[in-house]
PDB file of all heavy atoms in Angstrom:
ATOM      1  N   THR A   1      35.700 -14.239-151.666  1.00  0.00           N
ATOM      2  CA  THR A   1      35.195 -13.845-152.983  1.00  0.00           C
ATOM      3  C   THR A   1      36.183 -14.188-154.083  1.00  0.00           C
ATOM      4  O   THR A   1      35.811 -14.750-155.129  1.00  0.00           O
ATOM      5  CB  THR A   1      34.878 -12.342-152.991  1.00  0.00           C
ATOM      6  OG1 THR A   1      33.888 -12.069-152.001  1.00  0.00           O
ATOM      7  CG2 THR A   1      34.361 -11.897-154.357  1.00  0.00           C
ATOM      8  N   LEU A   2      37.444 -13.869-153.885  1.00  0.00           N
ATOM      9  CA  LEU A   2      38.458 -14.217-154.880  1.00  0.00           C
ATOM     10  C   LEU A   2      38.520 -15.726-155.089  1.00  0.00           C
ATOM     11  O   LEU A   2      38.609 -16.207-156.229  1.00  0.00           O
ATOM     12  CB  LEU A   2      39.825 -13.694-154.440  1.00  0.00           C
ATOM     13  CG  LEU A   2      40.121 -12.221-154.688  1.00  0.00           C
ATOM     14  CD1 LEU A   2      41.438 -11.819-154.026  1.00  0.00           C
ATOM     15  CD2 LEU A   2      40.167 -11.910-156.177  1.00  0.00           C
ATOM     16  N   SER A   3      38.476 -16.481-154.001  1.00  0.00           N
ATOM     17  CA  SER A   3      38.532 -17.938-154.108  1.00  0.00           C
ATOM     18  C   SER A   3      37.340 -18.478-154.894  1.00  0.00           C
ATOM     19  O   SER A   3      37.494 -19.376-155.733  1.00  0.00           O
ATOM     20  CB  SER A   3      38.573 -18.565-152.708  1.00  0.00           C
ATOM     21  OG  SER A   3      39.746 -18.191-152.013  1.00  0.00           O
ATOM     22  N   GLN A   4      36.158 -17.926-154.645  1.00  0.00           N
ATOM     23  CA  GLN A   4      34.969 -18.376-155.371  1.00  0.00           C
ATOM     24  C   GLN A   4      35.076 -18.079-156.862  1.00  0.00           C
ATOM     25  O   GLN A   4      34.772 -18.937-157.705  1.00  0.00           O
ATOM     26  CB  GLN A   4      33.724 -17.699-154.792  1.00  0.00           C
ATOM     27  CG  GLN A   4      33.304 -18.206-153.433  1.00  0.00           C
ATOM     28  CD  GLN A   4      32.147 -17.408-152.859  1.00  0.00           C
ATOM     29  OE1 GLN A   4      32.031 -16.203-153.088  1.00  0.00           O
ATOM     30  NE2 GLN A   4      31.279 -18.072-152.098  1.00  0.00           N
ATOM     31  N   VAL A   5      35.505 -16.868-157.206  1.00  0.00           N
ATOM     32  CA  VAL A   5      35.604 -16.486-158.614  1.00  0.00           C
ATOM     33  C   VAL A   5      36.637 -17.348-159.332  1.00  0.00           C
ATOM     34  O   VAL A   5      36.407 -17.826-160.458  1.00  0.00           O
ATOM     35  CB  VAL A   5      35.945 -14.992-158.741  1.00  0.00           C
ATOM     36  CG1 VAL A   5      36.262 -14.631-160.193  1.00  0.00           C
ATOM     37  CG2 VAL A   5      34.799 -14.133-158.226  1.00  0.00           C
ATOM     38  N   LEU A   6      37.769 -17.590-158.692  1.00  0.00           N
ATOM     39  CA  LEU A   6      38.799 -18.420-159.307  1.00  0.00           C
ATOM     40  C   LEU A   6      38.330 -19.857-159.465  1.00  0.00           C
ATOM     41  O   LEU A   6      38.631 -20.514-160.476  1.00  0.00           O
ATOM     42  CB  LEU A   6      40.076 -18.364-158.469  1.00  0.00           C
ATOM     43  CG  LEU A   6      40.822 -17.026-158.484  1.00  0.00           C
ATOM     44  CD1 LEU A   6      41.926 -17.015-157.444  1.00  0.00           C
ATOM     45  CD2 LEU A   6      41.391 -16.735-159.864  1.00  0.00           C
ATOM     46  N   ASP A   7      37.584 -20.346-158.500  1.00  0.00           N
ATOM     47  CA  ASP A   7      37.067 -21.712-158.584  1.00  0.00           C
ATOM     48  C   ASP A   7      36.069 -21.839-159.730  1.00  0.00           C
ATOM     49  O   ASP A   7      36.121 -22.798-160.517  1.00  0.00           O
ATOM     50  CB  ASP A   7      36.399 -22.092-157.265  1.00  0.00           C
ATOM     51  CG  ASP A   7      35.727 -23.451-157.332  1.00  0.00           C
ATOM     52  OD1 ASP A   7      36.430 -24.468-157.477  1.00  0.00           O
ATOM     53  OD2 ASP A   7      34.471 -23.495-157.267  1.00  0.00           O
ATOM     54  N   ILE A   8      35.163 -20.873-159.850  1.00  0.00           N
ATOM     55  CA  ILE A   8      34.191 -20.912-160.946  1.00  0.00           C
ATOM     56  C   ILE A   8      34.901 -20.827-162.291  1.00  0.00           C
ATOM     57  O   ILE A   8      34.589 -21.567-163.230  1.00  0.00           O
ATOM     58  CB  ILE A   8      33.170 -19.769-160.805  1.00  0.00           C
ATOM     59  CG1 ILE A   8      32.359 -19.927-159.525  1.00  0.00           C
ATOM     60  CG2 ILE A   8      32.235 -19.713-162.017  1.00  0.00           C
ATOM     61  CD1 ILE A   8      31.512 -18.715-159.181  1.00  0.00           C
ATOM     62  N   ALA A   9      35.868 -19.940-162.400  1.00  0.00           N
ATOM     63  CA  ALA A   9      36.610 -19.772-163.654  1.00  0.00           C
ATOM     64  C   ALA A   9      37.362 -21.048-164.017  1.00  0.00           C
ATOM     65  O   ALA A   9      37.427 -21.428-165.197  1.00  0.00           O
ATOM     66  CB  ALA A   9      37.572 -18.598-163.542  1.00  0.00           C
ATOM     67  N   ALA A  10      37.923 -21.722-163.041  1.00  0.00           N
ATOM     68  CA  ALA A  10      38.660 -22.959-163.306  1.00  0.00           C
ATOM     69  C   ALA A  10      37.744 -24.049-163.850  1.00  0.00           C
ATOM     70  O   ALA A  10      38.155 -24.879-164.673  1.00  0.00           O
ATOM     71  CB  ALA A  10      39.346 -23.441-162.025  1.00  0.00           C
ATOM     72  N   ARG A  11      36.490 -24.050-163.419  1.00  0.00           N
ATOM     73  CA  ARG A  11      35.540 -25.063-163.859  1.00  0.00           C
ATOM     74  C   ARG A  11      34.806 -24.693-165.142  1.00  0.00           C
ATOM     75  O   ARG A  11      34.409 -25.569-165.915  1.00  0.00           O
ATOM     76  CB  ARG A  11      34.515 -25.329-162.746  1.00  0.00           C
ATOM     77  CG  ARG A  11      35.095 -26.031-161.531  1.00  0.00           C
ATOM     78  CD  ARG A  11      34.023 -26.393-160.511  1.00  0.00           C
ATOM     79  NE  ARG A  11      33.533 -25.243-159.752  1.00  0.00           N
ATOM     80  CZ  ARG A  11      32.401 -24.618-159.962  1.00  0.00           C
ATOM     81  NH1 ARG A  11      31.591 -25.014-160.951  1.00  0.00           N
ATOM     82  NH2 ARG A  11      32.030 -23.591-159.219  1.00  0.00           N
ATOM     83  N   ARG A  12      34.602 -23.399-165.370  1.00  0.00           N
ATOM     84  CA  ARG A  12      33.722 -22.962-166.446  1.00  0.00           C
ATOM     85  C   ARG A  12      34.450 -22.428-167.683  1.00  0.00           C
ATOM     86  O   ARG A  12      33.833 -22.250-168.730  1.00  0.00           O
ATOM     87  CB  ARG A  12      32.798 -21.852-165.935  1.00  0.00           C
ATOM     88  CG  ARG A  12      31.855 -22.268-164.814  1.00  0.00           C
ATOM     89  CD  ARG A  12      30.726 -23.127-165.330  1.00  0.00           C
ATOM     90  NE  ARG A  12      29.735 -23.393-164.290  1.00  0.00           N
ATOM     91  CZ  ARG A  12      28.670 -24.153-164.468  1.00  0.00           C
ATOM     92  NH1 ARG A  12      28.452 -24.699-165.649  1.00  0.00           N
ATOM     93  NH2 ARG A  12      27.834 -24.355-163.478  1.00  0.00           N
ATOM     94  N   THR A  13      35.733 -22.115-167.557  1.00  0.00           N
ATOM     95  CA  THR A  13      36.451 -21.493-168.676  1.00  0.00           C
ATOM     96  C   THR A  13      37.707 -22.283-169.020  1.00  0.00           C
ATOM     97  O   THR A  13      38.132 -23.178-168.279  1.00  0.00           O
ATOM     98  CB  THR A  13      36.860 -20.044-168.341  1.00  0.00           C
ATOM     99  OG1 THR A  13      37.969 -20.060-167.422  1.00  0.00           O
ATOM    100  CG2 THR A  13      35.709 -19.273-167.700  1.00  0.00           C
ATOM    101  N   THR A  14      38.309 -21.906-170.118  1.00  0.00           N
ATOM    102  CA  THR A  14      39.556 -22.554-170.557  1.00  0.00           C
ATOM    103  C   THR A  14      40.780 -21.957-169.884  1.00  0.00           C
ATOM    104  O   THR A  14      41.877 -22.513-169.988  1.00  0.00           O
ATOM    105  CB  THR A  14      39.717 -22.395-172.080  1.00  0.00           C
ATOM    106  OG1 THR A  14      39.814 -20.995-172.403  1.00  0.00           O
ATOM    107  CG2 THR A  14      38.534 -23.004-172.816  1.00  0.00           C
ATOM    108  N   GLY A  15      40.609 -20.837-169.214  1.00  0.00           N
ATOM    109  CA  GLY A  15      41.730 -20.189-168.558  1.00  0.00           C
ATOM    110  C   GLY A  15      42.586 -19.337-169.469  1.00  0.00           C
ATOM    111  O   GLY A  15      43.616 -18.799-169.052  1.00  0.00           O
ATOM    112  N   GLU A  16      42.154 -19.176-170.722  1.00  0.00           N
ATOM    113  CA  GLU A  16      42.953 -18.397-171.681  1.00  0.00           C
ATOM    114  C   GLU A  16      42.843 -16.898-171.433  1.00  0.00           C
ATOM    115  O   GLU A  16      43.760 -16.147-171.769  1.00  0.00           O
ATOM    116  CB  GLU A  16      42.519 -18.729-173.111  1.00  0.00           C
ATOM    117  CG  GLU A  16      42.792 -20.175-173.515  1.00  0.00           C
ATOM    118  CD  GLU A  16      42.298 -20.480-174.912  1.00  0.00           C
ATOM    119  OE1 GLU A  16      41.735 -19.560-175.556  1.00  0.00           O
ATOM    120  OE2 GLU A  16      42.461 -21.624-175.373  1.00  0.00           O
ATOM    121  N   LYS A  17      41.719 -16.461-170.875  1.00  0.00           N
ATOM    122  CA  LYS A  17      41.526 -15.034-170.616  1.00  0.00           C
ATOM    123  C   LYS A  17      41.743 -14.775-169.127  1.00  0.00           C
ATOM    124  O   LYS A  17      41.073 -15.376-168.284  1.00  0.00           O
ATOM    125  CB  LYS A  17      40.127 -14.593-171.050  1.00  0.00           C
ATOM    126  CG  LYS A  17      39.893 -14.751-172.546  1.00  0.00           C
ATOM    127  CD  LYS A  17      38.503 -14.290-172.942  1.00  0.00           C
ATOM    128  CE  LYS A  17      38.280 -14.447-174.442  1.00  0.00           C
ATOM    129  NZ  LYS A  17      36.910 -14.003-174.846  1.00  0.00           N
ATOM    130  N   PRO A  18      42.652 -13.879-168.779  1.00  0.00           N
ATOM    131  CA  PRO A  18      43.032 -13.694-167.370  1.00  0.00           C
ATOM    132  C   PRO A  18      41.969 -12.984-166.540  1.00  0.00           C
ATOM    133  O   PRO A  18      41.098 -12.286-167.063  1.00  0.00           O
ATOM    134  CB  PRO A  18      44.299 -12.842-167.462  1.00  0.00           C
ATOM    135  CG  PRO A  18      44.146 -12.088-168.747  1.00  0.00           C
ATOM    136  CD  PRO A  18      43.446 -13.027-169.684  1.00  0.00           C
ATOM    137  N   ILE A  19      42.073 -13.180-165.241  1.00  0.00           N
ATOM    138  CA  ILE A  19      41.300 -12.421-164.262  1.00  0.00           C
ATOM    139  C   ILE A  19      42.240 -11.391-163.667  1.00  0.00           C
ATOM    140  O   ILE A  19      43.238 -11.746-163.021  1.00  0.00           O
ATOM    141  CB  ILE A  19      40.736 -13.342-163.165  1.00  0.00           C
ATOM    142  CG1 ILE A  19      39.706 -14.296-163.770  1.00  0.00           C
ATOM    143  CG2 ILE A  19      40.120 -12.529-162.031  1.00  0.00           C
ATOM    144  CD1 ILE A  19      39.192 -15.343-162.814  1.00  0.00           C
ATOM    145  N   ARG A  20      41.947 -10.114-163.891  1.00  0.00           N
ATOM    146  CA  ARG A  20      42.809  -9.027-163.427  1.00  0.00           C
ATOM    147  C   ARG A  20      41.957  -8.030-162.640  1.00  0.00           C
ATOM    148  O   ARG A  20      41.007  -7.469-163.176  1.00  0.00           O
ATOM    149  CB  ARG A  20      43.490  -8.333-164.604  1.00  0.00           C
ATOM    150  CG  ARG A  20      44.463  -9.233-165.361  1.00  0.00           C
ATOM    151  CD  ARG A  20      44.990  -8.558-166.611  1.00  0.00           C
ATOM    152  NE  ARG A  20      45.949  -9.413-167.312  1.00  0.00           N
ATOM    153  CZ  ARG A  20      46.396  -9.182-168.547  1.00  0.00           C
ATOM    154  NH1 ARG A  20      45.967  -8.105-169.209  1.00  0.00           N
ATOM    155  NH2 ARG A  20      47.261 -10.011-169.114  1.00  0.00           N
ATOM    156  N   LEU A  21      42.311  -7.845-161.391  1.00  0.00           N
ATOM    157  CA  LEU A  21      41.515  -7.018-160.489  1.00  0.00           C
ATOM    158  C   LEU A  21      42.410  -6.049-159.724  1.00  0.00           C
ATOM    159  O   LEU A  21      43.283  -6.478-158.968  1.00  0.00           O
ATOM    160  CB  LEU A  21      40.763  -7.898-159.479  1.00  0.00           C
ATOM    161  CG  LEU A  21      39.827  -8.975-160.048  1.00  0.00           C
ATOM    162  CD1 LEU A  21      39.478  -9.981-158.964  1.00  0.00           C
ATOM    163  CD2 LEU A  21      38.560  -8.331-160.589  1.00  0.00           C
ATOM    164  N   THR A  22      42.197  -4.768-159.937  1.00  0.00           N
ATOM    165  CA  THR A  22      42.752  -3.744-159.072  1.00  0.00           C
ATOM    166  C   THR A  22      41.564  -2.941-158.562  1.00  0.00           C
ATOM    167  O   THR A  22      40.874  -2.288-159.347  1.00  0.00           O
ATOM    168  CB  THR A  22      43.744  -2.844-159.822  1.00  0.00           C
ATOM    169  OG1 THR A  22      44.918  -3.616-160.132  1.00  0.00           O
ATOM    170  CG2 THR A  22      44.162  -1.650-158.966  1.00  0.00           C
ATOM    171  N   CYS A  23      41.321  -3.016-157.264  1.00  0.00           N
ATOM    172  CA  CYS A  23      40.092  -2.469-156.695  1.00  0.00           C
ATOM    173  C   CYS A  23      40.391  -1.581-155.496  1.00  0.00           C
ATOM    174  O   CYS A  23      41.344  -1.832-154.753  1.00  0.00           O
ATOM    175  CB  CYS A  23      39.160  -3.597-156.250  1.00  0.00           C
ATOM    176  SG  CYS A  23      38.731  -4.774-157.551  1.00  0.00           S
ATOM    177  N   VAL A  24      39.553  -0.571-155.316  1.00  0.00           N
ATOM    178  CA  VAL A  24      39.580   0.285-154.128  1.00  0.00           C
ATOM    179  C   VAL A  24      38.145   0.395-153.633  1.00  0.00           C
ATOM    180  O   VAL A  24      37.224   0.618-154.425  1.00  0.00           O
ATOM    181  CB  VAL A  24      40.153   1.679-154.438  1.00  0.00           C
ATOM    182  CG1 VAL A  24      40.160   2.540-153.170  1.00  0.00           C
ATOM    183  CG2 VAL A  24      41.559   1.582-155.024  1.00  0.00           C
ATOM    184  N   PHE A  25      37.965   0.254-152.320  1.00  0.00           N
ATOM    185  CA  PHE A  25      36.618   0.330-151.758  1.00  0.00           C
ATOM    186  C   PHE A  25      36.689   0.898-150.349  1.00  0.00           C
ATOM    187  O   PHE A  25      37.745   0.919-149.705  1.00  0.00           O
ATOM    188  CB  PHE A  25      35.916  -1.030-151.795  1.00  0.00           C
ATOM    189  CG  PHE A  25      36.731  -2.206-151.316  1.00  0.00           C
ATOM    190  CD1 PHE A  25      36.534  -2.748-150.052  1.00  0.00           C
ATOM    191  CD2 PHE A  25      37.687  -2.789-152.139  1.00  0.00           C
ATOM    192  CE1 PHE A  25      37.264  -3.829-149.623  1.00  0.00           C
ATOM    193  CE2 PHE A  25      38.436  -3.879-151.721  1.00  0.00           C
ATOM    194  CZ  PHE A  25      38.223  -4.409-150.455  1.00  0.00           C
ATOM    195  N   THR A  26      35.551   1.367-149.860  1.00  0.00           N
ATOM    196  CA  THR A  26      35.510   2.035-148.568  1.00  0.00           C
ATOM    197  C   THR A  26      34.134   1.949-147.949  1.00  0.00           C
ATOM    198  O   THR A  26      33.120   1.863-148.654  1.00  0.00           O
ATOM    199  CB  THR A  26      35.920   3.515-148.701  1.00  0.00           C
ATOM    200  OG1 THR A  26      35.898   4.139-147.401  1.00  0.00           O
ATOM    201  CG2 THR A  26      34.961   4.273-149.616  1.00  0.00           C
ATOM    202  N   GLU A  27      34.116   2.015-146.605  1.00  0.00           N
ATOM    203  CA  GLU A  27      32.871   2.111-145.846  1.00  0.00           C
ATOM    204  C   GLU A  27      32.689   3.512-145.307  1.00  0.00           C
ATOM    205  O   GLU A  27      31.791   3.777-144.508  1.00  0.00           O
ATOM    206  CB  GLU A  27      32.855   1.059-144.730  1.00  0.00           C
ATOM    207  CG  GLU A  27      33.498   1.451-143.421  1.00  0.00           C
ATOM    208  CD  GLU A  27      35.011   1.606-143.454  1.00  0.00           C
ATOM    209  OE1 GLU A  27      35.577   2.133-144.432  1.00  0.00           O
ATOM    210  OE2 GLU A  27      35.637   1.234-142.441  1.00  0.00           O
ATOM    211  N   GLY A  28      33.548   4.443-145.737  1.00  0.00           N
ATOM    212  CA  GLY A  28      33.450   5.827-145.307  1.00  0.00           C
ATOM    213  C   GLY A  28      34.433   6.211-144.225  1.00  0.00           C
ATOM    214  O   GLY A  28      34.498   7.386-143.843  1.00  0.00           O
ATOM    215  N   GLU A  29      35.234   5.245-143.740  1.00  0.00           N
ATOM    216  CA  GLU A  29      36.216   5.522-142.698  1.00  0.00           C
ATOM    217  C   GLU A  29      37.631   5.170-143.134  1.00  0.00           C
ATOM    218  O   GLU A  29      38.577   5.908-142.880  1.00  0.00           O
ATOM    219  CB  GLU A  29      35.869   4.754-141.416  1.00  0.00           C
ATOM    220  CG  GLU A  29      34.535   5.157-140.794  1.00  0.00           C
ATOM    221  CD  GLU A  29      34.508   6.603-140.337  1.00  0.00           C
ATOM    222  OE1 GLU A  29      35.591   7.127-139.973  1.00  0.00           O
ATOM    223  OE2 GLU A  29      33.424   7.220-140.342  1.00  0.00           O
ATOM    224  N   LYS A  30      37.795   4.036-143.778  1.00  0.00           N
ATOM    225  CA  LYS A  30      39.091   3.570-144.244  1.00  0.00           C
ATOM    226  C   LYS A  30      39.016   3.279-145.741  1.00  0.00           C
ATOM    227  O   LYS A  30      37.930   3.036-146.284  1.00  0.00           O
ATOM    228  CB  LYS A  30      39.511   2.296-143.493  1.00  0.00           C
ATOM    229  CG  LYS A  30      39.675   2.469-141.999  1.00  0.00           C
ATOM    230  CD  LYS A  30      40.003   1.147-141.339  1.00  0.00           C
ATOM    231  CE  LYS A  30      40.149   1.293-139.827  1.00  0.00           C
ATOM    232  NZ  LYS A  30      40.429  -0.011-139.170  1.00  0.00           N
ATOM    233  N   LEU A  31      40.164   3.290-146.389  1.00  0.00           N
ATOM    234  CA  LEU A  31      40.258   2.870-147.782  1.00  0.00           C
ATOM    235  C   LEU A  31      40.898   1.486-147.838  1.00  0.00           C
ATOM    236  O   LEU A  31      41.918   1.242-147.187  1.00  0.00           O
ATOM    237  CB  LEU A  31      41.108   3.848-148.594  1.00  0.00           C
ATOM    238  CG  LEU A  31      40.504   5.218-148.898  1.00  0.00           C
ATOM    239  CD1 LEU A  31      41.544   6.118-149.554  1.00  0.00           C
ATOM    240  CD2 LEU A  31      39.276   5.093-149.799  1.00  0.00           C
ATOM    241  N   TYR A  32      40.301   0.604-148.612  1.00  0.00           N
ATOM    242  CA  TYR A  32      40.829  -0.734-148.828  1.00  0.00           C
ATOM    243  C   TYR A  32      41.213  -0.858-150.308  1.00  0.00           C
ATOM    244  O   TYR A  32      40.475  -0.378-151.178  1.00  0.00           O
ATOM    245  CB  TYR A  32      39.781  -1.790-148.493  1.00  0.00           C
ATOM    246  CG  TYR A  32      39.318  -1.765-147.059  1.00  0.00           C
ATOM    247  CD1 TYR A  32      38.310  -0.884-146.649  1.00  0.00           C
ATOM    248  CD2 TYR A  32      39.875  -2.606-146.103  1.00  0.00           C
ATOM    249  CE1 TYR A  32      37.878  -0.849-145.328  1.00  0.00           C
ATOM    250  CE2 TYR A  32      39.443  -2.580-144.777  1.00  0.00           C
ATOM    251  CZ  TYR A  32      38.444  -1.696-144.404  1.00  0.00           C
ATOM    252  OH  TYR A  32      38.019  -1.655-143.097  1.00  0.00           O
ATOM    253  N   ALA A  33      42.337  -1.503-150.579  1.00  0.00           N
ATOM    254  CA  ALA A  33      42.787  -1.632-151.964  1.00  0.00           C
ATOM    255  C   ALA A  33      43.578  -2.919-152.131  1.00  0.00           C
ATOM    256  O   ALA A  33      44.264  -3.376-151.205  1.00  0.00           O
ATOM    257  CB  ALA A  33      43.638  -0.428-152.370  1.00  0.00           C
ATOM    258  N   PHE A  34      43.497  -3.488-153.319  1.00  0.00           N
ATOM    259  CA  PHE A  34      44.325  -4.651-153.632  1.00  0.00           C
ATOM    260  C   PHE A  34      44.532  -4.750-155.138  1.00  0.00           C
ATOM    261  O   PHE A  34      43.767  -4.193-155.928  1.00  0.00           O
ATOM    262  CB  PHE A  34      43.693  -5.947-153.099  1.00  0.00           C
ATOM    263  CG  PHE A  34      42.488  -6.412-153.882  1.00  0.00           C
ATOM    264  CD1 PHE A  34      42.605  -7.309-154.932  1.00  0.00           C
ATOM    265  CD2 PHE A  34      41.222  -5.930-153.575  1.00  0.00           C
ATOM    266  CE1 PHE A  34      41.496  -7.730-155.654  1.00  0.00           C
ATOM    267  CE2 PHE A  34      40.104  -6.340-154.288  1.00  0.00           C
ATOM    268  CZ  PHE A  34      40.244  -7.249-155.331  1.00  0.00           C
ATOM    269  N   ARG A  35      45.594  -5.464-155.490  1.00  0.00           N
ATOM    270  CA  ARG A  35      45.891  -5.823-156.884  1.00  0.00           C
ATOM    271  C   ARG A  35      46.035  -7.338-156.946  1.00  0.00           C
ATOM    272  O   ARG A  35      46.750  -7.931-156.142  1.00  0.00           O
ATOM    273  CB  ARG A  35      47.190  -5.179-157.361  1.00  0.00           C
ATOM    274  CG  ARG A  35      47.203  -3.666-157.364  1.00  0.00           C
ATOM    275  CD  ARG A  35      48.602  -3.144-157.719  1.00  0.00           C
ATOM    276  NE  ARG A  35      49.003  -3.571-159.050  1.00  0.00           N
ATOM    277  CZ  ARG A  35      50.231  -4.055-159.341  1.00  0.00           C
ATOM    278  NH1 ARG A  35      51.143  -4.195-158.402  1.00  0.00           N
ATOM    279  NH2 ARG A  35      50.512  -4.414-160.569  1.00  0.00           N
ATOM    280  N   PHE A  36      45.365  -7.937-157.937  1.00  0.00           N
ATOM    281  CA  PHE A  36      45.474  -9.380-158.100  1.00  0.00           C
ATOM    282  C   PHE A  36      45.280  -9.731-159.566  1.00  0.00           C
ATOM    283  O   PHE A  36      44.426  -9.147-160.255  1.00  0.00           O
ATOM    284  CB  PHE A  36      44.419 -10.122-157.266  1.00  0.00           C
ATOM    285  CG  PHE A  36      44.371 -11.601-157.559  1.00  0.00           C
ATOM    286  CD1 PHE A  36      45.252 -12.461-156.934  1.00  0.00           C
ATOM    287  CD2 PHE A  36      43.479 -12.115-158.493  1.00  0.00           C
ATOM    288  CE1 PHE A  36      45.247 -13.822-157.229  1.00  0.00           C
ATOM    289  CE2 PHE A  36      43.455 -13.475-158.792  1.00  0.00           C
ATOM    290  CZ  PHE A  36      44.339 -14.325-158.157  1.00  0.00           C
ATOM    291  N   ALA A  37      46.054 -10.702-160.049  1.00  0.00           N
ATOM    292  CA  ALA A  37      45.851 -11.228-161.404  1.00  0.00           C
ATOM    293  C   ALA A  37      46.341 -12.666-161.440  1.00  0.00           C
ATOM    294  O   ALA A  37      47.413 -12.984-160.899  1.00  0.00           O
ATOM    295  CB  ALA A  37      46.602 -10.388-162.433  1.00  0.00           C
ATOM    296  N   ASP A  38      45.574 -13.538-162.068  1.00  0.00           N
ATOM    297  CA  ASP A  38      45.993 -14.933-162.129  1.00  0.00           C
ATOM    298  C   ASP A  38      47.100 -15.165-163.150  1.00  0.00           C
ATOM    299  O   ASP A  38      47.662 -16.266-163.221  1.00  0.00           O
ATOM    300  CB  ASP A  38      44.800 -15.871-162.379  1.00  0.00           C
ATOM    301  CG  ASP A  38      44.074 -15.576-163.675  1.00  0.00           C
ATOM    302  OD1 ASP A  38      44.536 -14.744-164.480  1.00  0.00           O
ATOM    303  OD2 ASP A  38      42.998 -16.187-163.894  1.00  0.00           O
ATOM    304  N   ASP A  39      47.428 -14.119-163.940  1.00  0.00           N
ATOM    305  CA  ASP A  39      48.561 -14.218-164.852  1.00  0.00           C
ATOM    306  C   ASP A  39      49.727 -13.321-164.420  1.00  0.00           C
ATOM    307  O   ASP A  39      50.689 -13.136-165.169  1.00  0.00           O
ATOM    308  CB  ASP A  39      48.141 -13.861-166.286  1.00  0.00           C
ATOM    309  CG  ASP A  39      47.706 -12.407-166.437  1.00  0.00           C
ATOM    310  OD1 ASP A  39      47.547 -11.708-165.405  1.00  0.00           O
ATOM    311  OD2 ASP A  39      47.524 -11.964-167.592  1.00  0.00           O
ATOM    312  N   GLY A  40      49.624 -12.760-163.215  1.00  0.00           N
ATOM    313  CA  GLY A  40      50.706 -11.936-162.691  1.00  0.00           C
ATOM    314  C   GLY A  40      50.788 -10.539-163.271  1.00  0.00           C
ATOM    315  O   GLY A  40      51.786  -9.843-163.061  1.00  0.00           O
ATOM    316  N   GLN A  41      49.750 -10.086-163.993  1.00  0.00           N
ATOM    317  CA  GLN A  41      49.791  -8.771-164.635  1.00  0.00           C
ATOM    318  C   GLN A  41      48.617  -7.904-164.173  1.00  0.00           C
ATOM    319  O   GLN A  41      47.802  -7.446-164.964  1.00  0.00           O
ATOM    320  CB  GLN A  41      49.768  -8.925-166.154  1.00  0.00           C
ATOM    321  CG  GLN A  41      50.958  -9.702-166.705  1.00  0.00           C
ATOM    322  CD  GLN A  41      50.956  -9.789-168.225  1.00  0.00           C
ATOM    323  OE1 GLN A  41      50.747  -8.784-168.918  1.00  0.00           O
ATOM    324  NE2 GLN A  41      51.158 -10.978-168.740  1.00  0.00           N
ATOM    325  N   ALA A  42      48.557  -7.675-162.894  1.00  0.00           N
ATOM    326  CA  ALA A  42      47.488  -6.849-162.337  1.00  0.00           C
ATOM    327  C   ALA A  42      47.651  -5.399-162.770  1.00  0.00           C
ATOM    328  O   ALA A  42      48.773  -4.886-162.860  1.00  0.00           O
ATOM    329  CB  ALA A  42      47.498  -6.930-160.816  1.00  0.00           C
ATOM    330  N   PRO A  43      46.558  -4.699-163.045  1.00  0.00           N
ATOM    331  CA  PRO A  43      46.642  -3.276-163.387  1.00  0.00           C
ATOM    332  C   PRO A  43      47.313  -2.477-162.281  1.00  0.00           C
ATOM    333  O   PRO A  43      47.262  -2.846-161.105  1.00  0.00           O
ATOM    334  CB  PRO A  43      45.169  -2.869-163.563  1.00  0.00           C
ATOM    335  CG  PRO A  43      44.464  -4.142-163.903  1.00  0.00           C
ATOM    336  CD  PRO A  43      45.173  -5.203-163.136  1.00  0.00           C
ATOM    337  N   THR A  44      47.921  -1.373-162.653  1.00  0.00           N
ATOM    338  CA  THR A  44      48.744  -0.591-161.731  1.00  0.00           C
ATOM    339  C   THR A  44      47.924   0.084-160.637  1.00  0.00           C
ATOM    340  O   THR A  44      46.742   0.386-160.806  1.00  0.00           O
ATOM    341  CB  THR A  44      49.523   0.493-162.494  1.00  0.00           C
ATOM    342  OG1 THR A  44      48.583   1.367-163.144  1.00  0.00           O
ATOM    343  CG2 THR A  44      50.446  -0.116-163.525  1.00  0.00           C
ATOM    344  N   LEU A  45      48.586   0.331-159.514  1.00  0.00           N
ATOM    345  CA  LEU A  45      48.039   1.138-158.440  1.00  0.00           C
ATOM    346  C   LEU A  45      49.190   1.638-157.586  1.00  0.00           C
ATOM    347  O   LEU A  45      50.141   0.897-157.317  1.00  0.00           O
ATOM    348  CB  LEU A  45      47.061   0.341-157.567  1.00  0.00           C
ATOM    349  CG  LEU A  45      46.255   1.161-156.549  1.00  0.00           C
ATOM    350  CD1 LEU A  45      45.294   2.112-157.263  1.00  0.00           C
ATOM    351  CD2 LEU A  45      45.492   0.261-155.588  1.00  0.00           C
ATOM    352  N   TYR A  46      49.098   2.910-157.170  1.00  0.00           N
ATOM    353  CA  TYR A  46      50.139   3.529-156.359  1.00  0.00           C
ATOM    354  C   TYR A  46      49.528   4.106-155.092  1.00  0.00           C
ATOM    355  O   TYR A  46      48.336   4.442-155.044  1.00  0.00           O
ATOM    356  CB  TYR A  46      50.835   4.643-157.151  1.00  0.00           C
ATOM    357  CG  TYR A  46      51.647   4.149-158.321  1.00  0.00           C
ATOM    358  CD1 TYR A  46      51.039   3.907-159.559  1.00  0.00           C
ATOM    359  CD2 TYR A  46      53.010   3.906-158.197  1.00  0.00           C
ATOM    360  CE1 TYR A  46      51.771   3.435-160.633  1.00  0.00           C
ATOM    361  CE2 TYR A  46      53.759   3.442-159.274  1.00  0.00           C
ATOM    362  CZ  TYR A  46      53.135   3.210-160.492  1.00  0.00           C
ATOM    363  OH  TYR A  46      53.868   2.737-161.559  1.00  0.00           O
TER     364      TYR A  46
END
């Protein structure tokens, strides 16, 4: 998913506005979390 979004953004945008993702998700048993930003400034998570 990240690869697809970055590929679309590289083709469709100028790249001036960053992609910043800090996400948490679950299926009811485990918690999954990540931080990612193409400009190195992902929102905080602890």
